[in-house]
Amino acid sequence: ARQRLAREMDRAHALSIAPASLKTGVMI
């Protein structure tokens, strides 16, 4: 899942629409 998220973040950075910060977590 994080690999897919990383690809989308790379795309967002290329388009200058990335979040100011990203925090990821899981439901246990």
PDB file of all heavy atoms in Angstrom:
ATOM      1  N   ALA A   1       0.831  -1.204   0.000  1.00  0.00           N
ATOM      2  CA  ALA A   1       0.000   0.000   0.000  1.00  0.00           C
ATOM      3  C   ALA A   1       0.867   1.256   0.000  1.00  0.00           C
ATOM      4  O   ALA A   1       0.586   2.235  -0.704  1.00  0.00           O
ATOM      5  CB  ALA A   1      -0.929  -0.005   1.209  1.00  0.00           C
ATOM      6  N   ARG A   2       1.935   1.248   0.768  1.00  0.00           N
ATOM      7  CA  ARG A   2       2.819   2.415   0.834  1.00  0.00           C
ATOM      8  C   ARG A   2       3.556   2.634  -0.488  1.00  0.00           C
ATOM      9  O   ARG A   2       3.873   3.779  -0.845  1.00  0.00           O
ATOM     10  CB  ARG A   2       3.811   2.242   1.988  1.00  0.00           C
ATOM     11  CG  ARG A   2       3.179   2.497   3.360  1.00  0.00           C
ATOM     12  CD  ARG A   2       4.100   2.036   4.485  1.00  0.00           C
ATOM     13  NE  ARG A   2       5.373   2.738   4.440  1.00  0.00           N
ATOM     14  CZ  ARG A   2       5.646   3.854   5.138  1.00  0.00           C
ATOM     15  NH1 ARG A   2       4.709   4.396   5.893  1.00  0.00           N
ATOM     16  NH2 ARG A   2       6.837   4.406   5.086  1.00  0.00           N
ATOM     17  N   GLN A   3       3.823   1.571  -1.212  1.00  0.00           N
ATOM     18  CA  GLN A   3       4.446   1.730  -2.529  1.00  0.00           C
ATOM     19  C   GLN A   3       3.524   2.491  -3.476  1.00  0.00           C
ATOM     20  O   GLN A   3       3.964   3.380  -4.223  1.00  0.00           O
ATOM     21  CB  GLN A   3       4.796   0.354  -3.108  1.00  0.00           C
ATOM     22  CG  GLN A   3       5.971  -0.338  -2.426  1.00  0.00           C
ATOM     23  CD  GLN A   3       6.113  -1.789  -2.838  1.00  0.00           C
ATOM     24  OE1 GLN A   3       5.398  -2.271  -3.732  1.00  0.00           O
ATOM     25  NE2 GLN A   3       7.018  -2.506  -2.180  1.00  0.00           N
ATOM     26  N   ARG A   4       2.236   2.151  -3.434  1.00  0.00           N
ATOM     27  CA  ARG A   4       1.268   2.872  -4.269  1.00  0.00           C
ATOM     28  C   ARG A   4       1.154   4.329  -3.816  1.00  0.00           C
ATOM     29  O   ARG A   4       1.046   5.251  -4.639  1.00  0.00           O
ATOM     30  CB  ARG A   4      -0.087   2.180  -4.232  1.00  0.00           C
ATOM     31  CG  ARG A   4      -0.102   0.841  -4.987  1.00  0.00           C
ATOM     32  CD  ARG A   4      -1.404   0.099  -4.817  1.00  0.00           C
ATOM     33  NE  ARG A   4      -1.511  -1.033  -5.716  1.00  0.00           N
ATOM     34  CZ  ARG A   4      -0.928  -2.212  -5.525  1.00  0.00           C
ATOM     35  NH1 ARG A   4      -0.199  -2.397  -4.432  1.00  0.00           N
ATOM     36  NH2 ARG A   4      -1.069  -3.192  -6.395  1.00  0.00           N
ATOM     37  N   LEU A   5       1.179   4.536  -2.507  1.00  0.00           N
ATOM     38  CA  LEU A   5       1.120   5.894  -1.977  1.00  0.00           C
ATOM     39  C   LEU A   5       2.353   6.694  -2.406  1.00  0.00           C
ATOM     40  O   LEU A   5       2.235   7.879  -2.776  1.00  0.00           O
ATOM     41  CB  LEU A   5       1.010   5.847  -0.451  1.00  0.00           C
ATOM     42  CG  LEU A   5       1.028   7.184   0.283  1.00  0.00           C
ATOM     43  CD1 LEU A   5      -0.129   8.071  -0.171  1.00  0.00           C
ATOM     44  CD2 LEU A   5       0.972   6.959   1.799  1.00  0.00           C
ATOM     45  N   ALA A   6       3.522   6.083  -2.375  1.00  0.00           N
ATOM     46  CA  ALA A   6       4.754   6.775  -2.768  1.00  0.00           C
ATOM     47  C   ALA A   6       4.691   7.220  -4.226  1.00  0.00           C
ATOM     48  O   ALA A   6       5.128   8.328  -4.570  1.00  0.00           O
ATOM     49  CB  ALA A   6       5.962   5.865  -2.530  1.00  0.00           C
ATOM     50  N   ARG A   7       4.144   6.375  -5.104  1.00  0.00           N
ATOM     51  CA  ARG A   7       4.040   6.749  -6.511  1.00  0.00           C
ATOM     52  C   ARG A   7       3.113   7.952  -6.692  1.00  0.00           C
ATOM     53  O   ARG A   7       3.378   8.848  -7.499  1.00  0.00           O
ATOM     54  CB  ARG A   7       3.546   5.556  -7.345  1.00  0.00           C
ATOM     55  CG  ARG A   7       4.608   4.482  -7.541  1.00  0.00           C
ATOM     56  CD  ARG A   7       4.243   3.555  -8.683  1.00  0.00           C
ATOM     57  NE  ARG A   7       3.139   2.679  -8.349  1.00  0.00           N
ATOM     58  CZ  ARG A   7       3.264   1.470  -7.801  1.00  0.00           C
ATOM     59  NH1 ARG A   7       4.473   1.000  -7.515  1.00  0.00           N
ATOM     60  NH2 ARG A   7       2.212   0.720  -7.551  1.00  0.00           N
ATOM     61  N   GLU A   8       2.001   7.957  -5.933  1.00  0.00           N
ATOM     62  CA  GLU A   8       1.080   9.085  -6.034  1.00  0.00           C
ATOM     63  C   GLU A   8       1.697  10.358  -5.458  1.00  0.00           C
ATOM     64  O   GLU A   8       1.448  11.469  -5.955  1.00  0.00           O
ATOM     65  CB  GLU A   8      -0.239   8.762  -5.338  1.00  0.00           C
ATOM     66  CG  GLU A   8      -1.046   7.665  -6.014  1.00  0.00           C
ATOM     67  CD  GLU A   8      -1.340   7.983  -7.474  1.00  0.00           C
ATOM     68  OE1 GLU A   8      -1.592   9.167  -7.801  1.00  0.00           O
ATOM     69  OE2 GLU A   8      -1.306   7.042  -8.298  1.00  0.00           O
ATOM     70  N   MET A   9       2.510  10.225  -4.419  1.00  0.00           N
ATOM     71  CA  MET A   9       3.187  11.391  -3.858  1.00  0.00           C
ATOM     72  C   MET A   9       4.219  11.937  -4.842  1.00  0.00           C
ATOM     73  O   MET A   9       4.378  13.164  -4.979  1.00  0.00           O
ATOM     74  CB  MET A   9       3.844  11.026  -2.527  1.00  0.00           C
ATOM     75  CG  MET A   9       2.875  10.939  -1.360  1.00  0.00           C
ATOM     76  SD  MET A   9       2.109  12.544  -0.945  1.00  0.00           S
ATOM     77  CE  MET A   9       3.544  13.435  -0.316  1.00  0.00           C
ATOM     78  N   ASP A  10       4.929  11.050  -5.526  1.00  0.00           N
ATOM     79  CA  ASP A  10       5.898  11.509  -6.540  1.00  0.00           C
ATOM     80  C   ASP A  10       5.169  12.299  -7.630  1.00  0.00           C
ATOM     81  O   ASP A  10       5.655  13.346  -8.084  1.00  0.00           O
ATOM     82  CB  ASP A  10       6.623  10.313  -7.154  1.00  0.00           C
ATOM     83  CG  ASP A  10       7.601   9.662  -6.184  1.00  0.00           C
ATOM     84  OD1 ASP A  10       7.970  10.312  -5.178  1.00  0.00           O
ATOM     85  OD2 ASP A  10       7.985   8.500  -6.419  1.00  0.00           O
ATOM     86  N   ARG A  11       4.023  11.800  -8.044  1.00  0.00           N
ATOM     87  CA  ARG A  11       3.239  12.506  -9.055  1.00  0.00           C
ATOM     88  C   ARG A  11       2.800  13.868  -8.545  1.00  0.00           C
ATOM     89  O   ARG A  11       2.855  14.874  -9.271  1.00  0.00           O
ATOM     90  CB  ARG A  11       2.019  11.659  -9.433  1.00  0.00           C
ATOM     91  CG  ARG A  11       1.057  12.338 -10.391  1.00  0.00           C
ATOM     92  CD  ARG A  11      -0.171  11.451 -10.643  1.00  0.00           C
ATOM     93  NE  ARG A  11      -1.142  12.129 -11.503  1.00  0.00           N
ATOM     94  CZ  ARG A  11      -2.036  13.007 -11.073  1.00  0.00           C
ATOM     95  NH1 ARG A  11      -2.109  13.295  -9.768  1.00  0.00           N
ATOM     96  NH2 ARG A  11      -2.871  13.577 -11.919  1.00  0.00           N
ATOM     97  N   ALA A  12       2.357  13.938  -7.284  1.00  0.00           N
ATOM     98  CA  ALA A  12       1.886  15.198  -6.717  1.00  0.00           C
ATOM     99  C   ALA A  12       3.024  16.216  -6.627  1.00  0.00           C
ATOM    100  O   ALA A  12       2.830  17.408  -6.891  1.00  0.00           O
ATOM    101  CB  ALA A  12       1.275  14.949  -5.344  1.00  0.00           C
ATOM    102  N   HIS A  13       4.219  15.757  -6.238  1.00  0.00           N
ATOM    103  CA  HIS A  13       5.369  16.671  -6.177  1.00  0.00           C
ATOM    104  C   HIS A  13       5.696  17.213  -7.567  1.00  0.00           C
ATOM    105  O   HIS A  13       6.014  18.405  -7.719  1.00  0.00           O
ATOM    106  CB  HIS A  13       6.576  15.950  -5.588  1.00  0.00           C
ATOM    107  CG  HIS A  13       6.536  15.830  -4.094  1.00  0.00           C
ATOM    108  ND1 HIS A  13       6.560  16.917  -3.251  1.00  0.00           N
ATOM    109  CD2 HIS A  13       6.460  14.726  -3.278  1.00  0.00           C
ATOM    110  CE1 HIS A  13       6.513  16.514  -1.984  1.00  0.00           C
ATOM    111  NE2 HIS A  13       6.451  15.190  -1.974  1.00  0.00           N
ATOM    112  N   ALA A  14       5.595  16.345  -8.584  1.00  0.00           N
ATOM    113  CA  ALA A  14       5.889  16.787  -9.952  1.00  0.00           C
ATOM    114  C   ALA A  14       4.894  17.840 -10.420  1.00  0.00           C
ATOM    115  O   ALA A  14       5.244  18.738 -11.202  1.00  0.00           O
ATOM    116  CB  ALA A  14       5.868  15.593 -10.900  1.00  0.00           C
ATOM    117  N   LEU A  15       3.649  17.760  -9.917  1.00  0.00           N
ATOM    118  CA  LEU A  15       2.611  18.719 -10.294  1.00  0.00           C
ATOM    119  C   LEU A  15       2.493  19.870  -9.302  1.00  0.00           C
ATOM    120  O   LEU A  15       1.610  20.719  -9.443  1.00  0.00           O
ATOM    121  CB  LEU A  15       1.256  18.002 -10.397  1.00  0.00           C
ATOM    122  CG  LEU A  15       1.140  16.921 -11.479  1.00  0.00           C
ATOM    123  CD1 LEU A  15      -0.189  16.188 -11.351  1.00  0.00           C
ATOM    124  CD2 LEU A  15       1.285  17.537 -12.871  1.00  0.00           C
ATOM    125  N   SER A  16       3.364  19.879  -8.274  1.00  0.00           N
ATOM    126  CA  SER A  16       3.363  20.923  -7.235  1.00  0.00           C
ATOM    127  C   SER A  16       2.029  20.999  -6.488  1.00  0.00           C
ATOM    128  O   SER A  16       1.535  22.082  -6.157  1.00  0.00           O
ATOM    129  CB  SER A  16       3.690  22.291  -7.853  1.00  0.00           C
ATOM    130  OG  SER A  16       4.970  22.265  -8.452  1.00  0.00           O
ATOM    131  N   ILE A  17       1.420  19.834  -6.215  1.00  0.00           N
ATOM    132  CA  ILE A  17       0.163  19.796  -5.460  1.00  0.00           C
ATOM    133  C   ILE A  17       0.275  18.878  -4.248  1.00  0.00           C
ATOM    134  O   ILE A  17      -0.723  18.357  -3.754  1.00  0.00           O
ATOM    135  CB  ILE A  17      -1.016  19.344  -6.352  1.00  0.00           C
ATOM    136  CG1 ILE A  17      -0.745  17.943  -6.935  1.00  0.00           C
ATOM    137  CG2 ILE A  17      -1.312  20.352  -7.438  1.00  0.00           C
ATOM    138  CD1 ILE A  17      -1.951  17.329  -7.616  1.00  0.00           C
ATOM    139  N   ALA A  18       1.491  18.685  -3.762  1.00  0.00           N
ATOM    140  CA  ALA A  18       1.701  17.758  -2.656  1.00  0.00           C
ATOM    141  C   ALA A  18       1.249  18.374  -1.331  1.00  0.00           C
ATOM    142  O   ALA A  18       1.257  19.594  -1.165  1.00  0.00           O
ATOM    143  CB  ALA A  18       3.173  17.361  -2.567  1.00  0.00           C
ATOM    144  N   PRO A  19       0.846  17.540  -0.378  1.00  0.00           N
ATOM    145  CA  PRO A  19       0.536  18.046   0.963  1.00  0.00           C
ATOM    146  C   PRO A  19       1.776  18.644   1.617  1.00  0.00           C
ATOM    147  O   PRO A  19       2.907  18.317   1.269  1.00  0.00           O
ATOM    148  CB  PRO A  19       0.074  16.785   1.715  1.00  0.00           C
ATOM    149  CG  PRO A  19      -0.291  15.796   0.663  1.00  0.00           C
ATOM    150  CD  PRO A  19       0.601  16.085  -0.494  1.00  0.00           C
ATOM    151  N   ALA A  20       1.543  19.527   2.587  1.00  0.00           N
ATOM    152  CA  ALA A  20       2.668  20.102   3.321  1.00  0.00           C
ATOM    153  C   ALA A  20       3.400  19.037   4.111  1.00  0.00           C
ATOM    154  O   ALA A  20       4.624  19.107   4.286  1.00  0.00           O
ATOM    155  CB  ALA A  20       2.166  21.209   4.248  1.00  0.00           C
ATOM    156  N   SER A  21       2.664  18.053   4.604  1.00  0.00           N
ATOM    157  CA  SER A  21       3.276  16.925   5.307  1.00  0.00           C
ATOM    158  C   SER A  21       2.365  15.709   5.161  1.00  0.00           C
ATOM    159  O   SER A  21       1.148  15.859   4.961  1.00  0.00           O
ATOM    160  CB  SER A  21       3.500  17.230   6.786  1.00  0.00           C
ATOM    161  OG  SER A  21       2.260  17.400   7.455  1.00  0.00           O
ATOM    162  N   LEU A  22       2.932  14.539   5.243  1.00  0.00           N
ATOM    163  CA  LEU A  22       2.189  13.286   5.109  1.00  0.00           C
ATOM    164  C   LEU A  22       2.532  12.378   6.275  1.00  0.00           C
ATOM    165  O   LEU A  22       3.712  12.124   6.554  1.00  0.00           O
ATOM    166  CB  LEU A  22       2.534  12.588   3.792  1.00  0.00           C
ATOM    167  CG  LEU A  22       1.962  11.172   3.602  1.00  0.00           C
ATOM    168  CD1 LEU A  22       0.440  11.222   3.499  1.00  0.00           C
ATOM    169  CD2 LEU A  22       2.557  10.509   2.372  1.00  0.00           C
ATOM    170  N   LYS A  23       1.500  11.906   6.954  1.00  0.00           N
ATOM    171  CA  LYS A  23       1.674  10.938   8.030  1.00  0.00           C
ATOM    172  C   LYS A  23       0.839   9.706   7.693  1.00  0.00           C
ATOM    173  O   LYS A  23      -0.333   9.833   7.341  1.00  0.00           O
ATOM    174  CB  LYS A  23       1.252  11.512   9.381  1.00  0.00           C
ATOM    175  CG  LYS A  23       2.145  12.648   9.860  1.00  0.00           C
ATOM    176  CD  LYS A  23       1.741  13.125  11.240  1.00  0.00           C
ATOM    177  CE  LYS A  23       2.672  14.229  11.729  1.00  0.00           C
ATOM    178  NZ  LYS A  23       2.289  14.723  13.080  1.00  0.00           N
ATOM    179  N   THR A  24       1.446   8.537   7.815  1.00  0.00           N
ATOM    180  CA  THR A  24       0.738   7.296   7.508  1.00  0.00           C
ATOM    181  C   THR A  24       0.654   6.419   8.751  1.00  0.00           C
ATOM    182  O   THR A  24       1.591   6.369   9.560  1.00  0.00           O
ATOM    183  CB  THR A  24       1.433   6.511   6.380  1.00  0.00           C
ATOM    184  OG1 THR A  24       2.796   6.256   6.750  1.00  0.00           O
ATOM    185  CG2 THR A  24       1.414   7.297   5.093  1.00  0.00           C
ATOM    186  N   GLY A  25      -0.469   5.734   8.866  1.00  0.00           N
ATOM    187  CA  GLY A  25      -0.673   4.847  10.003  1.00  0.00           C
ATOM    188  C   GLY A  25      -1.497   3.642   9.600  1.00  0.00           C
ATOM    189  O   GLY A  25      -1.916   3.509   8.445  1.00  0.00           O
ATOM    190  N   VAL A  26      -1.748   2.770  10.560  1.00  0.00           N
ATOM    191  CA  VAL A  26      -2.542   1.572  10.313  1.00  0.00           C
ATOM    192  C   VAL A  26      -3.577   1.403  11.414  1.00  0.00           C
ATOM    193  O   VAL A  26      -3.398   1.863  12.536  1.00  0.00           O
ATOM    194  CB  VAL A  26      -1.678   0.290  10.239  1.00  0.00           C
ATOM    195  CG1 VAL A  26      -0.676   0.370   9.121  1.00  0.00           C
ATOM    196  CG2 VAL A  26      -0.984   0.032  11.563  1.00  0.00           C
ATOM    197  N   MET A  27      -4.644   0.716  11.043  1.00  0.00           N
ATOM    198  CA  MET A  27      -5.616   0.257  12.022  1.00  0.00           C
ATOM    199  C   MET A  27      -5.170  -1.112  12.514  1.00  0.00           C
ATOM    200  O   MET A  27      -4.913  -2.009  11.699  1.00  0.00           O
ATOM    201  CB  MET A  27      -6.994   0.118  11.378  1.00  0.00           C
ATOM    202  CG  MET A  27      -7.660   1.428  11.013  1.00  0.00           C
ATOM    203  SD  MET A  27      -8.526   2.186  12.389  1.00  0.00           S
ATOM    204  CE  MET A  27      -9.977   1.149  12.512  1.00  0.00           C
ATOM    205  N   ILE A  28      -5.057  -1.257  13.814  1.00  0.00           N
ATOM    206  CA  ILE A  28      -4.778  -2.582  14.372  1.00  0.00           C
ATOM    207  C   ILE A  28      -6.115  -3.232  14.682  1.00  0.00           C
ATOM    208  O   ILE A  28      -6.812  -2.869  15.625  1.00  0.00           O
ATOM    209  CB  ILE A  28      -3.890  -2.492  15.623  1.00  0.00           C
ATOM    210  CG1 ILE A  28      -2.501  -2.005  15.229  1.00  0.00           C
ATOM    211  CG2 ILE A  28      -3.820  -3.837  16.324  1.00  0.00           C
ATOM    212  CD1 ILE A  28      -1.487  -2.067  16.342  1.00  0.00           C
TER     213      ILE A  28
END
